Amino acid sequence: MLVYAFDNYAHIKFYRMKKYIHSFPFKLRYICLIISLLISVEFALGQQQVYRFHSGLIEVSGFTNAYNWKMKTDSVDCRAQLTLINKQLKAINSLSLTVPVNKLSSPNTYMDRIAHRTLKSYPFDKIYFHYVNSELLPWDDKDQYLVKASGNLTIAGITQIIKMDLIATVIHDGVITFAGSHKLKLSTFHVIPKKSLMGTLKTSDEVTVNFVVGVKQ
């Protein structure tokens, strides 16, 4: 059905342009007809559009032998190239995410300093995620999509490829959100949780990252 609609659209566009430039010299008419057809194809298939961070929140949580902890930040740099056709998400061409380590915070500033040192905020002051590829599937709502994504995550200067499921939502005000959750082990990135309070407080190796990030043109 999509191929038929495209063929019909392209034919009508081509015919109209042909009538318009009929009075041109032959070679010029030929060039113009080719250009008009290429424009029709590009319009019908959609274009890559550049999106930047609009709003969102990233939360990192874990636990110690005494209590659970949680750090948050809304200081995120996110850039994406997405393909939409008729306001429907058709492809994720690129997606990158950058989070400053020292912007991750909680009500406990003492534990924040320990966490920042643990994550080697000097000299590795940022956490990076670079999208590699994904499979895009319909979700419950017509404006939502399940994104089975893989990408390169860099923490403390060590890069590992990860796989995770995201929910992409196309909102009517032009914002597109990506939401997901991912568990990881800090030791995978050569990060060893530090002990504190004379060695009595021990932090778990496993942490959970929850996020909702919105982008807009």
N, C-alpha and C. Protein backbone atom coordinates (compact mmCIF):
# COMPACT_ATOMS: atom_id res chain seq x y z
N MET A 1 0.83 -1.20 0.00
CA MET A 1 0.00 0.00 0.00
C MET A 1 0.87 1.26 0.00
N LEU A 2 1.95 1.25 0.83
CA LEU A 2 2.85 2.40 0.88
C LEU A 2 3.52 2.63 -0.47
N VAL A 3 3.96 1.54 -1.12
CA VAL A 3 4.62 1.65 -2.42
C VAL A 3 3.65 2.20 -3.45
N TYR A 4 2.38 1.72 -3.42
CA TYR A 4 1.38 2.20 -4.38
C TYR A 4 1.13 3.68 -4.19
N ALA A 5 0.94 4.11 -2.92
CA ALA A 5 0.68 5.52 -2.66
C ALA A 5 1.84 6.39 -3.12
N PHE A 6 3.07 5.93 -2.88
CA PHE A 6 4.24 6.68 -3.30
C PHE A 6 4.30 6.78 -4.81
N ASP A 7 4.06 5.67 -5.50
CA ASP A 7 4.09 5.67 -6.97
C ASP A 7 3.05 6.63 -7.53
N ASN A 8 1.87 6.63 -6.94
CA ASN A 8 0.80 7.49 -7.42
C ASN A 8 1.16 8.96 -7.19
N TYR A 9 1.71 9.26 -6.00
CA TYR A 9 2.12 10.63 -5.70
C TYR A 9 3.22 11.10 -6.64
N ALA A 10 4.21 10.27 -6.84
CA ALA A 10 5.33 10.64 -7.70
C ALA A 10 4.86 10.86 -9.14
N HIS A 11 3.92 10.04 -9.60
CA HIS A 11 3.42 10.18 -10.97
C HIS A 11 2.71 11.51 -11.16
N ILE A 12 1.86 11.88 -10.19
CA ILE A 12 1.12 13.14 -10.29
C ILE A 12 2.08 14.32 -10.25
N LYS A 13 3.05 14.27 -9.35
CA LYS A 13 4.02 15.36 -9.23
C LYS A 13 4.83 15.50 -10.51
N PHE A 14 5.25 14.40 -11.06
CA PHE A 14 6.04 14.40 -12.27
C PHE A 14 5.23 14.98 -13.44
N TYR A 15 3.97 14.59 -13.55
CA TYR A 15 3.11 15.06 -14.64
C TYR A 15 2.89 16.56 -14.57
N ARG A 16 2.65 17.08 -13.37
CA ARG A 16 2.43 18.52 -13.22
C ARG A 16 3.68 19.32 -13.58
N MET A 17 4.82 18.85 -13.12
CA MET A 17 6.07 19.53 -13.43
C MET A 17 6.37 19.46 -14.92
N LYS A 18 6.00 18.36 -15.54
CA LYS A 18 6.23 18.21 -16.97
C LYS A 18 5.45 19.25 -17.77
N LYS A 19 4.19 19.49 -17.42
CA LYS A 19 3.38 20.49 -18.10
C LYS A 19 3.94 21.89 -17.89
N TYR A 20 4.44 22.13 -16.66
CA TYR A 20 4.93 23.46 -16.33
C TYR A 20 6.16 23.84 -17.14
N ILE A 21 7.03 22.89 -17.37
CA ILE A 21 8.30 23.21 -18.03
C ILE A 21 8.31 22.76 -19.50
N HIS A 22 7.13 22.53 -20.07
CA HIS A 22 7.05 22.02 -21.44
C HIS A 22 7.67 22.98 -22.46
N SER A 23 7.63 24.28 -22.11
CA SER A 23 8.13 25.27 -23.06
C SER A 23 9.65 25.44 -23.00
N PHE A 24 10.33 24.77 -22.08
CA PHE A 24 11.78 24.88 -21.96
C PHE A 24 12.45 24.15 -23.13
N PRO A 25 13.71 24.53 -23.45
CA PRO A 25 14.49 23.74 -24.41
C PRO A 25 14.59 22.30 -23.96
N PHE A 26 14.76 21.39 -24.91
CA PHE A 26 14.68 19.96 -24.62
C PHE A 26 15.61 19.53 -23.49
N LYS A 27 16.91 19.87 -23.57
CA LYS A 27 17.86 19.42 -22.55
C LYS A 27 17.51 19.99 -21.19
N LEU A 28 17.12 21.26 -21.17
CA LEU A 28 16.76 21.87 -19.90
C LEU A 28 15.51 21.22 -19.33
N ARG A 29 14.55 20.90 -20.24
CA ARG A 29 13.33 20.21 -19.78
C ARG A 29 13.69 18.87 -19.16
N TYR A 30 14.59 18.15 -19.79
CA TYR A 30 14.99 16.82 -19.31
C TYR A 30 15.62 16.90 -17.92
N ILE A 31 16.52 17.89 -17.72
CA ILE A 31 17.17 18.07 -16.43
C ILE A 31 16.16 18.45 -15.36
N CYS A 32 15.26 19.34 -15.69
CA CYS A 32 14.27 19.80 -14.72
C CYS A 32 13.32 18.68 -14.31
N LEU A 33 12.95 17.84 -15.27
CA LEU A 33 12.07 16.72 -14.97
C LEU A 33 12.73 15.74 -14.01
N ILE A 34 14.03 15.49 -14.22
CA ILE A 34 14.76 14.58 -13.32
C ILE A 34 14.83 15.17 -11.91
N ILE A 35 15.13 16.47 -11.82
CA ILE A 35 15.21 17.12 -10.52
C ILE A 35 13.88 17.08 -9.80
N SER A 36 12.79 17.34 -10.52
CA SER A 36 11.47 17.33 -9.90
C SER A 36 11.11 15.95 -9.38
N LEU A 37 11.50 14.91 -10.11
CA LEU A 37 11.21 13.55 -9.65
C LEU A 37 12.02 13.22 -8.40
N LEU A 38 13.29 13.64 -8.36
CA LEU A 38 14.11 13.40 -7.18
C LEU A 38 13.56 14.12 -5.96
N ILE A 39 13.06 15.33 -6.15
CA ILE A 39 12.45 16.08 -5.05
C ILE A 39 11.22 15.35 -4.54
N SER A 40 10.43 14.81 -5.47
CA SER A 40 9.23 14.07 -5.09
C SER A 40 9.58 12.85 -4.27
N VAL A 41 10.63 12.14 -4.68
CA VAL A 41 11.06 10.94 -3.96
C VAL A 41 11.50 11.31 -2.55
N GLU A 42 12.31 12.36 -2.44
CA GLU A 42 12.83 12.77 -1.13
C GLU A 42 11.70 13.19 -0.21
N PHE A 43 10.72 13.92 -0.75
CA PHE A 43 9.60 14.39 0.06
C PHE A 43 8.76 13.22 0.54
N ALA A 44 8.52 12.26 -0.35
CA ALA A 44 7.66 11.13 -0.01
C ALA A 44 8.31 10.20 1.01
N LEU A 45 9.60 10.03 0.95
CA LEU A 45 10.28 9.09 1.82
C LEU A 45 10.68 9.70 3.17
N GLY A 46 10.61 11.02 3.29
CA GLY A 46 10.96 11.65 4.54
C GLY A 46 12.43 12.04 4.59
N GLN A 47 12.77 12.87 5.54
CA GLN A 47 14.13 13.37 5.67
C GLN A 47 14.64 13.17 7.09
N GLN A 48 15.96 13.08 7.20
CA GLN A 48 16.57 13.07 8.52
C GLN A 48 16.44 14.46 9.12
N GLN A 49 16.07 14.51 10.37
CA GLN A 49 15.92 15.78 11.06
C GLN A 49 16.78 15.77 12.31
N VAL A 50 17.37 16.93 12.61
CA VAL A 50 18.27 17.05 13.75
C VAL A 50 17.49 17.49 14.98
N TYR A 51 17.70 16.77 16.09
CA TYR A 51 17.02 17.07 17.34
C TYR A 51 18.06 17.32 18.43
N ARG A 52 17.69 18.19 19.39
CA ARG A 52 18.56 18.49 20.53
C ARG A 52 17.79 18.27 21.84
N PHE A 53 18.54 18.20 22.93
CA PHE A 53 17.94 17.97 24.24
C PHE A 53 16.92 19.06 24.57
N HIS A 54 15.74 18.63 25.04
CA HIS A 54 14.68 19.55 25.41
C HIS A 54 14.42 19.50 26.92
N SER A 55 14.27 18.31 27.44
CA SER A 55 14.02 18.14 28.88
C SER A 55 14.25 16.67 29.23
N GLY A 56 14.39 16.41 30.53
CA GLY A 56 14.55 15.02 30.92
C GLY A 56 15.25 14.86 32.26
N LEU A 57 15.39 13.61 32.66
CA LEU A 57 16.00 13.29 33.94
C LEU A 57 16.69 11.94 33.85
N ILE A 58 17.89 11.87 34.43
CA ILE A 58 18.63 10.60 34.53
C ILE A 58 18.85 10.30 36.00
N GLU A 59 18.56 9.06 36.38
CA GLU A 59 18.66 8.65 37.77
C GLU A 59 19.52 7.40 37.88
N VAL A 60 20.49 7.42 38.77
CA VAL A 60 21.36 6.27 39.03
C VAL A 60 21.13 5.84 40.48
N SER A 61 20.84 4.57 40.68
CA SER A 61 20.55 4.10 42.03
C SER A 61 21.28 2.79 42.33
N GLY A 62 21.49 2.54 43.61
CA GLY A 62 22.14 1.31 44.05
C GLY A 62 21.87 1.12 45.53
N PHE A 63 22.69 0.33 46.18
CA PHE A 63 22.46 0.09 47.60
C PHE A 63 23.79 -0.19 48.30
N THR A 64 23.79 0.03 49.58
CA THR A 64 24.92 -0.30 50.45
C THR A 64 24.44 -1.35 51.46
N ASN A 65 25.34 -1.74 52.35
CA ASN A 65 24.93 -2.68 53.39
C ASN A 65 24.10 -2.01 54.48
N ALA A 66 23.89 -0.68 54.34
CA ALA A 66 23.12 0.05 55.35
C ALA A 66 21.85 0.70 54.78
N TYR A 67 21.90 1.15 53.54
CA TYR A 67 20.74 1.84 52.98
C TYR A 67 20.84 1.86 51.46
N ASN A 68 19.74 2.21 50.81
CA ASN A 68 19.71 2.41 49.35
C ASN A 68 20.08 3.86 49.05
N TRP A 69 20.67 4.08 47.89
CA TRP A 69 21.04 5.44 47.50
C TRP A 69 20.56 5.74 46.08
N LYS A 70 20.44 7.03 45.78
CA LYS A 70 19.93 7.45 44.48
C LYS A 70 20.51 8.82 44.13
N MET A 71 21.00 8.96 42.90
CA MET A 71 21.54 10.24 42.42
C MET A 71 20.81 10.61 41.12
N LYS A 72 20.58 11.91 40.94
CA LYS A 72 19.83 12.36 39.77
C LYS A 72 20.54 13.54 39.10
N THR A 73 20.17 13.76 37.83
CA THR A 73 20.61 14.98 37.13
C THR A 73 19.68 15.26 35.96
N ASP A 74 19.49 16.55 35.69
CA ASP A 74 18.80 16.97 34.48
C ASP A 74 19.76 17.73 33.55
N SER A 75 21.05 17.66 33.88
CA SER A 75 22.09 18.27 33.04
C SER A 75 22.55 17.24 32.02
N VAL A 76 21.92 17.27 30.88
CA VAL A 76 22.16 16.26 29.85
C VAL A 76 22.35 16.96 28.50
N ASP A 77 23.31 16.48 27.74
CA ASP A 77 23.46 16.93 26.36
C ASP A 77 23.07 15.76 25.46
N CYS A 78 21.99 15.93 24.71
CA CYS A 78 21.51 14.84 23.85
C CYS A 78 21.31 15.39 22.43
N ARG A 79 21.82 14.66 21.45
CA ARG A 79 21.67 15.03 20.05
C ARG A 79 21.26 13.80 19.26
N ALA A 80 20.34 13.99 18.32
CA ALA A 80 19.84 12.85 17.55
C ALA A 80 19.49 13.27 16.14
N GLN A 81 19.61 12.33 15.22
CA GLN A 81 19.10 12.49 13.86
C GLN A 81 18.04 11.42 13.67
N LEU A 82 16.81 11.87 13.43
CA LEU A 82 15.67 10.97 13.34
C LEU A 82 14.95 11.16 12.01
N THR A 83 14.35 10.09 11.51
CA THR A 83 13.55 10.16 10.29
C THR A 83 12.09 9.97 10.66
N LEU A 84 11.27 10.98 10.34
CA LEU A 84 9.83 10.90 10.57
C LEU A 84 9.09 11.06 9.25
N ILE A 85 8.03 10.29 9.08
CA ILE A 85 7.15 10.42 7.92
C ILE A 85 5.73 10.52 8.46
N ASN A 86 5.05 11.62 8.12
CA ASN A 86 3.69 11.86 8.61
C ASN A 86 3.62 11.74 10.13
N LYS A 87 4.63 12.33 10.80
CA LYS A 87 4.72 12.38 12.25
C LYS A 87 4.89 11.00 12.88
N GLN A 88 5.33 10.04 12.11
CA GLN A 88 5.60 8.71 12.62
C GLN A 88 7.11 8.44 12.56
N LEU A 89 7.65 7.92 13.65
CA LEU A 89 9.09 7.65 13.73
C LEU A 89 9.41 6.43 12.88
N LYS A 90 10.29 6.62 11.89
CA LYS A 90 10.64 5.54 10.97
C LYS A 90 12.06 5.03 11.16
N ALA A 91 12.95 5.87 11.66
CA ALA A 91 14.34 5.43 11.82
C ALA A 91 15.06 6.34 12.81
N ILE A 92 15.97 5.73 13.58
CA ILE A 92 16.91 6.48 14.42
C ILE A 92 18.25 6.40 13.71
N ASN A 93 18.67 7.50 13.13
CA ASN A 93 19.91 7.52 12.35
C ASN A 93 21.14 7.70 13.24
N SER A 94 20.99 8.48 14.29
CA SER A 94 22.07 8.64 15.25
C SER A 94 21.49 9.16 16.56
N LEU A 95 22.19 8.88 17.65
CA LEU A 95 21.74 9.34 18.97
C LEU A 95 22.95 9.33 19.90
N SER A 96 23.22 10.44 20.54
CA SER A 96 24.33 10.52 21.50
C SER A 96 23.87 11.23 22.76
N LEU A 97 24.43 10.80 23.88
CA LEU A 97 24.04 11.31 25.19
C LEU A 97 25.29 11.56 26.01
N THR A 98 25.37 12.72 26.66
CA THR A 98 26.51 13.06 27.50
C THR A 98 26.01 13.56 28.85
N VAL A 99 26.57 13.00 29.92
CA VAL A 99 26.16 13.38 31.28
C VAL A 99 27.41 13.75 32.09
N PRO A 100 27.51 14.98 32.62
CA PRO A 100 28.64 15.35 33.49
C PRO A 100 28.55 14.59 34.81
N VAL A 101 29.63 13.91 35.19
CA VAL A 101 29.62 13.09 36.41
C VAL A 101 29.31 13.94 37.64
N ASN A 102 29.92 15.12 37.75
CA ASN A 102 29.75 15.96 38.94
C ASN A 102 28.36 16.58 39.05
N LYS A 103 27.53 16.42 38.03
CA LYS A 103 26.16 16.91 38.10
C LYS A 103 25.21 15.87 38.69
N LEU A 104 25.68 14.63 38.83
CA LEU A 104 24.89 13.61 39.52
C LEU A 104 24.91 13.92 41.01
N SER A 105 23.74 14.10 41.62
CA SER A 105 23.72 14.53 43.01
C SER A 105 22.55 13.92 43.76
N SER A 106 22.67 13.98 45.10
CA SER A 106 21.64 13.48 46.01
C SER A 106 21.59 14.42 47.21
N PRO A 107 20.69 14.20 48.15
CA PRO A 107 20.68 15.06 49.34
C PRO A 107 21.93 14.88 50.21
N ASN A 108 22.67 13.81 50.02
CA ASN A 108 23.85 13.53 50.85
C ASN A 108 25.11 13.95 50.08
N THR A 109 25.59 15.15 50.35
CA THR A 109 26.74 15.68 49.60
C THR A 109 28.02 14.90 49.91
N TYR A 110 28.14 14.34 51.10
CA TYR A 110 29.32 13.54 51.45
C TYR A 110 29.40 12.30 50.56
N MET A 111 28.25 11.60 50.40
CA MET A 111 28.23 10.42 49.56
C MET A 111 28.40 10.79 48.09
N ASP A 112 27.94 11.98 47.72
CA ASP A 112 28.12 12.44 46.33
C ASP A 112 29.61 12.54 46.00
N ARG A 113 30.38 13.11 46.92
CA ARG A 113 31.82 13.26 46.68
C ARG A 113 32.49 11.90 46.52
N ILE A 114 32.07 10.94 47.34
CA ILE A 114 32.62 9.59 47.23
C ILE A 114 32.25 8.97 45.89
N ALA A 115 30.99 9.17 45.48
CA ALA A 115 30.53 8.60 44.20
C ALA A 115 31.28 9.22 43.03
N HIS A 116 31.52 10.52 43.07
CA HIS A 116 32.23 11.20 41.99
C HIS A 116 33.68 10.69 41.89
N ARG A 117 34.33 10.50 43.05
CA ARG A 117 35.69 9.96 43.03
C ARG A 117 35.70 8.52 42.53
N THR A 118 34.68 7.75 42.93
CA THR A 118 34.58 6.36 42.49
C THR A 118 34.45 6.28 40.97
N LEU A 119 33.69 7.20 40.40
CA LEU A 119 33.48 7.22 38.95
C LEU A 119 34.62 7.92 38.21
N LYS A 120 35.67 8.28 38.95
CA LYS A 120 36.87 8.89 38.36
C LYS A 120 36.54 10.17 37.59
N SER A 121 35.78 11.04 38.28
CA SER A 121 35.37 12.29 37.62
C SER A 121 36.57 13.13 37.18
N TYR A 122 37.71 12.90 37.78
CA TYR A 122 38.96 13.45 37.26
C TYR A 122 39.87 12.28 36.93
N PRO A 123 40.27 12.13 35.66
CA PRO A 123 40.08 13.07 34.54
C PRO A 123 38.85 12.78 33.67
N PHE A 124 38.07 11.74 34.01
CA PHE A 124 36.94 11.34 33.14
C PHE A 124 35.66 11.98 33.66
N ASP A 125 35.47 13.25 33.30
CA ASP A 125 34.40 14.04 33.92
C ASP A 125 33.03 13.83 33.28
N LYS A 126 32.94 13.02 32.24
CA LYS A 126 31.65 12.81 31.58
C LYS A 126 31.39 11.32 31.30
N ILE A 127 30.11 10.99 31.28
CA ILE A 127 29.65 9.66 30.86
C ILE A 127 29.03 9.82 29.48
N TYR A 128 29.39 8.93 28.56
CA TYR A 128 28.94 9.05 27.17
C TYR A 128 28.16 7.80 26.75
N PHE A 129 27.13 8.03 25.94
CA PHE A 129 26.45 6.92 25.26
C PHE A 129 26.31 7.29 23.79
N HIS A 130 26.78 6.40 22.92
CA HIS A 130 26.66 6.60 21.47
C HIS A 130 25.91 5.43 20.87
N TYR A 131 24.76 5.74 20.32
CA TYR A 131 23.90 4.74 19.69
C TYR A 131 24.60 4.09 18.48
N VAL A 132 24.42 2.77 18.33
CA VAL A 132 25.00 2.06 17.19
C VAL A 132 23.91 1.62 16.22
N ASN A 133 22.94 0.84 16.70
CA ASN A 133 21.83 0.42 15.84
C ASN A 133 20.66 -0.01 16.69
N SER A 134 19.52 -0.26 16.02
CA SER A 134 18.33 -0.66 16.77
C SER A 134 17.31 -1.31 15.85
N GLU A 135 16.37 -1.95 16.48
CA GLU A 135 15.18 -2.47 15.79
C GLU A 135 13.99 -1.69 16.32
N LEU A 136 13.19 -1.14 15.42
CA LEU A 136 12.07 -0.27 15.79
C LEU A 136 10.77 -1.04 15.60
N LEU A 137 10.00 -1.19 16.68
CA LEU A 137 8.77 -1.98 16.63
C LEU A 137 7.60 -1.16 17.17
N PRO A 138 6.37 -1.41 16.67
CA PRO A 138 5.19 -0.72 17.22
C PRO A 138 5.00 -1.08 18.69
N TRP A 139 4.42 -0.14 19.47
CA TRP A 139 4.15 -0.38 20.87
C TRP A 139 2.65 -0.23 21.11
N ASP A 140 2.22 -0.10 22.37
CA ASP A 140 0.79 -0.09 22.69
C ASP A 140 0.04 1.04 21.99
N ASP A 141 0.63 2.21 22.00
CA ASP A 141 0.00 3.39 21.41
C ASP A 141 0.56 3.64 20.02
N LYS A 142 -0.23 4.22 19.13
CA LYS A 142 0.23 4.46 17.76
C LYS A 142 1.40 5.43 17.70
N ASP A 143 1.55 6.27 18.75
CA ASP A 143 2.64 7.24 18.79
C ASP A 143 3.83 6.73 19.60
N GLN A 144 3.81 5.45 19.99
CA GLN A 144 4.90 4.88 20.77
C GLN A 144 5.55 3.72 20.04
N TYR A 145 6.85 3.54 20.33
CA TYR A 145 7.63 2.51 19.63
C TYR A 145 8.57 1.84 20.63
N LEU A 146 8.73 0.54 20.46
CA LEU A 146 9.73 -0.19 21.23
C LEU A 146 11.02 -0.17 20.44
N VAL A 147 12.08 0.35 21.06
CA VAL A 147 13.38 0.45 20.41
C VAL A 147 14.33 -0.54 21.07
N LYS A 148 14.69 -1.58 20.36
CA LYS A 148 15.66 -2.55 20.87
C LYS A 148 17.02 -2.07 20.40
N ALA A 149 17.68 -1.32 21.28
CA ALA A 149 18.88 -0.57 20.88
C ALA A 149 20.16 -1.19 21.42
N SER A 150 21.23 -0.92 20.72
CA SER A 150 22.57 -1.22 21.21
C SER A 150 23.44 0.00 20.98
N GLY A 151 24.44 0.17 21.85
CA GLY A 151 25.30 1.33 21.71
C GLY A 151 26.52 1.21 22.60
N ASN A 152 27.40 2.18 22.50
CA ASN A 152 28.64 2.19 23.28
C ASN A 152 28.49 3.12 24.48
N LEU A 153 28.66 2.55 25.66
CA LEU A 153 28.58 3.32 26.91
C LEU A 153 29.99 3.47 27.47
N THR A 154 30.37 4.72 27.76
CA THR A 154 31.70 5.01 28.29
C THR A 154 31.59 5.58 29.69
N ILE A 155 32.17 4.87 30.66
CA ILE A 155 32.23 5.31 32.06
C ILE A 155 33.67 5.20 32.53
N ALA A 156 34.16 6.27 33.15
CA ALA A 156 35.53 6.30 33.68
C ALA A 156 36.57 5.94 32.62
N GLY A 157 36.29 6.36 31.38
CA GLY A 157 37.24 6.15 30.29
C GLY A 157 37.19 4.78 29.66
N ILE A 158 36.33 3.89 30.14
CA ILE A 158 36.20 2.53 29.60
C ILE A 158 34.90 2.43 28.82
N THR A 159 34.98 1.90 27.61
CA THR A 159 33.81 1.78 26.74
C THR A 159 33.39 0.32 26.60
N GLN A 160 32.10 0.09 26.80
CA GLN A 160 31.52 -1.24 26.63
C GLN A 160 30.26 -1.11 25.80
N ILE A 161 29.98 -2.11 24.95
CA ILE A 161 28.74 -2.10 24.20
C ILE A 161 27.63 -2.67 25.07
N ILE A 162 26.48 -2.01 25.07
CA ILE A 162 25.35 -2.47 25.87
C ILE A 162 24.12 -2.59 24.98
N LYS A 163 23.17 -3.39 25.44
CA LYS A 163 21.88 -3.54 24.75
C LYS A 163 20.77 -3.21 25.75
N MET A 164 19.78 -2.47 25.30
CA MET A 164 18.67 -2.14 26.18
C MET A 164 17.43 -1.80 25.36
N ASP A 165 16.28 -1.94 26.00
CA ASP A 165 15.00 -1.62 25.37
C ASP A 165 14.57 -0.22 25.79
N LEU A 166 14.17 0.58 24.82
CA LEU A 166 13.68 1.93 25.07
C LEU A 166 12.24 2.04 24.57
N ILE A 167 11.51 2.96 25.16
CA ILE A 167 10.19 3.32 24.64
C ILE A 167 10.29 4.73 24.08
N ALA A 168 10.09 4.87 22.77
CA ALA A 168 10.11 6.17 22.11
C ALA A 168 8.67 6.65 21.93
N THR A 169 8.42 7.90 22.27
CA THR A 169 7.07 8.47 22.16
C THR A 169 7.13 9.76 21.37
N VAL A 170 6.31 9.86 20.34
CA VAL A 170 6.20 11.09 19.54
C VAL A 170 5.06 11.91 20.12
N ILE A 171 5.41 13.04 20.73
CA ILE A 171 4.42 13.91 21.37
C ILE A 171 3.99 14.98 20.37
N HIS A 172 2.74 15.42 20.47
CA HIS A 172 2.16 16.30 19.46
C HIS A 172 2.79 17.69 19.40
N ASP A 173 3.50 18.10 20.47
CA ASP A 173 4.14 19.42 20.43
C ASP A 173 5.51 19.37 19.78
N GLY A 174 5.86 18.24 19.15
CA GLY A 174 7.12 18.12 18.44
C GLY A 174 8.24 17.50 19.24
N VAL A 175 7.98 17.20 20.51
CA VAL A 175 8.98 16.56 21.36
C VAL A 175 8.92 15.04 21.18
N ILE A 176 10.08 14.41 21.13
CA ILE A 176 10.16 12.95 21.08
C ILE A 176 10.93 12.50 22.32
N THR A 177 10.34 11.62 23.10
CA THR A 177 10.98 11.17 24.33
C THR A 177 11.49 9.73 24.18
N PHE A 178 12.58 9.46 24.88
CA PHE A 178 13.14 8.11 24.98
C PHE A 178 13.22 7.77 26.46
N ALA A 179 12.59 6.67 26.85
CA ALA A 179 12.57 6.26 28.26
C ALA A 179 13.04 4.82 28.37
N GLY A 180 13.79 4.53 29.44
CA GLY A 180 14.26 3.17 29.60
C GLY A 180 14.93 2.96 30.95
N SER A 181 15.35 1.73 31.18
CA SER A 181 16.04 1.36 32.41
C SER A 181 17.09 0.31 32.06
N HIS A 182 18.25 0.42 32.72
CA HIS A 182 19.33 -0.52 32.42
C HIS A 182 20.15 -0.79 33.67
N LYS A 183 20.40 -2.06 33.95
CA LYS A 183 21.25 -2.45 35.07
C LYS A 183 22.66 -2.76 34.55
N LEU A 184 23.66 -2.34 35.30
CA LEU A 184 25.04 -2.60 34.91
C LEU A 184 25.90 -2.80 36.16
N LYS A 185 27.04 -3.41 35.95
CA LYS A 185 28.01 -3.60 37.02
C LYS A 185 29.18 -2.63 36.83
N LEU A 186 29.49 -1.87 37.86
CA LEU A 186 30.56 -0.89 37.78
C LEU A 186 31.91 -1.54 37.48
N SER A 187 32.10 -2.76 37.95
CA SER A 187 33.37 -3.44 37.72
C SER A 187 33.61 -3.70 36.24
N THR A 188 32.53 -3.77 35.45
CA THR A 188 32.67 -3.93 34.00
C THR A 188 33.46 -2.77 33.40
N PHE A 189 33.37 -1.60 34.04
CA PHE A 189 34.06 -0.39 33.57
C PHE A 189 35.28 -0.10 34.44
N HIS A 190 35.79 -1.11 35.11
CA HIS A 190 36.98 -1.00 35.97
C HIS A 190 36.77 0.01 37.09
N VAL A 191 35.53 0.13 37.53
CA VAL A 191 35.21 1.01 38.64
C VAL A 191 34.97 0.15 39.88
N ILE A 192 35.73 0.39 40.93
CA ILE A 192 35.61 -0.37 42.17
C ILE A 192 34.93 0.50 43.22
N PRO A 193 33.74 0.12 43.67
CA PRO A 193 33.05 0.92 44.69
C PRO A 193 33.92 1.09 45.93
N LYS A 194 34.01 2.33 46.41
CA LYS A 194 34.87 2.62 47.55
C LYS A 194 34.14 2.36 48.87
N LYS A 195 34.89 1.96 49.85
CA LYS A 195 34.35 1.80 51.20
C LYS A 195 34.47 3.13 51.93
N SER A 196 33.57 3.37 52.85
CA SER A 196 33.61 4.61 53.62
C SER A 196 33.26 4.33 55.07
N LEU A 197 33.35 5.36 55.91
CA LEU A 197 33.09 5.25 57.35
C LEU A 197 33.96 4.15 57.96
N MET A 198 35.25 4.29 57.74
CA MET A 198 36.24 3.35 58.29
C MET A 198 36.04 1.93 57.76
N GLY A 199 35.53 1.84 56.53
CA GLY A 199 35.38 0.55 55.90
C GLY A 199 34.12 -0.20 56.28
N THR A 200 33.27 0.42 57.09
CA THR A 200 32.06 -0.27 57.53
C THR A 200 30.91 -0.16 56.52
N LEU A 201 30.96 0.87 55.65
CA LEU A 201 29.90 1.08 54.66
C LEU A 201 30.39 0.58 53.30
N LYS A 202 29.73 -0.44 52.79
CA LYS A 202 30.14 -1.04 51.53
C LYS A 202 29.05 -0.83 50.49
N THR A 203 29.47 -0.41 49.30
CA THR A 203 28.53 -0.12 48.20
C THR A 203 28.50 -1.27 47.21
N SER A 204 27.32 -1.57 46.70
CA SER A 204 27.16 -2.68 45.75
C SER A 204 27.82 -2.38 44.42
N ASP A 205 28.18 -3.44 43.72
CA ASP A 205 28.78 -3.30 42.39
C ASP A 205 27.71 -2.98 41.34
N GLU A 206 26.50 -3.45 41.56
CA GLU A 206 25.42 -3.28 40.57
C GLU A 206 24.67 -1.98 40.80
N VAL A 207 24.43 -1.24 39.73
CA VAL A 207 23.61 -0.03 39.79
C VAL A 207 22.54 -0.09 38.69
N THR A 208 21.50 0.70 38.88
CA THR A 208 20.42 0.79 37.90
C THR A 208 20.32 2.21 37.38
N VAL A 209 20.25 2.34 36.07
CA VAL A 209 20.10 3.66 35.43
C VAL A 209 18.70 3.75 34.85
N ASN A 210 17.92 4.70 35.32
CA ASN A 210 16.60 5.00 34.77
C ASN A 210 16.64 6.37 34.12
N PHE A 211 15.98 6.52 33.00
CA PHE A 211 16.04 7.81 32.32
C PHE A 211 14.80 8.08 31.46
N VAL A 212 14.50 9.35 31.35
CA VAL A 212 13.52 9.87 30.38
C VAL A 212 14.15 11.10 29.78
N VAL A 213 14.39 11.07 28.48
CA VAL A 213 15.05 12.18 27.78
C VAL A 213 14.19 12.61 26.61
N GLY A 214 13.87 13.90 26.56
CA GLY A 214 13.09 14.45 25.46
C GLY A 214 13.95 15.29 24.54
N VAL A 215 13.74 15.15 23.23
CA VAL A 215 14.48 15.95 22.24
C VAL A 215 13.48 16.68 21.35
N LYS A 216 13.95 17.78 20.76
CA LYS A 216 13.10 18.59 19.90
C LYS A 216 13.95 19.26 18.84
N GLN A 217 13.35 19.52 17.68
CA GLN A 217 14.08 20.18 16.61
C GLN A 217 14.52 21.58 17.02
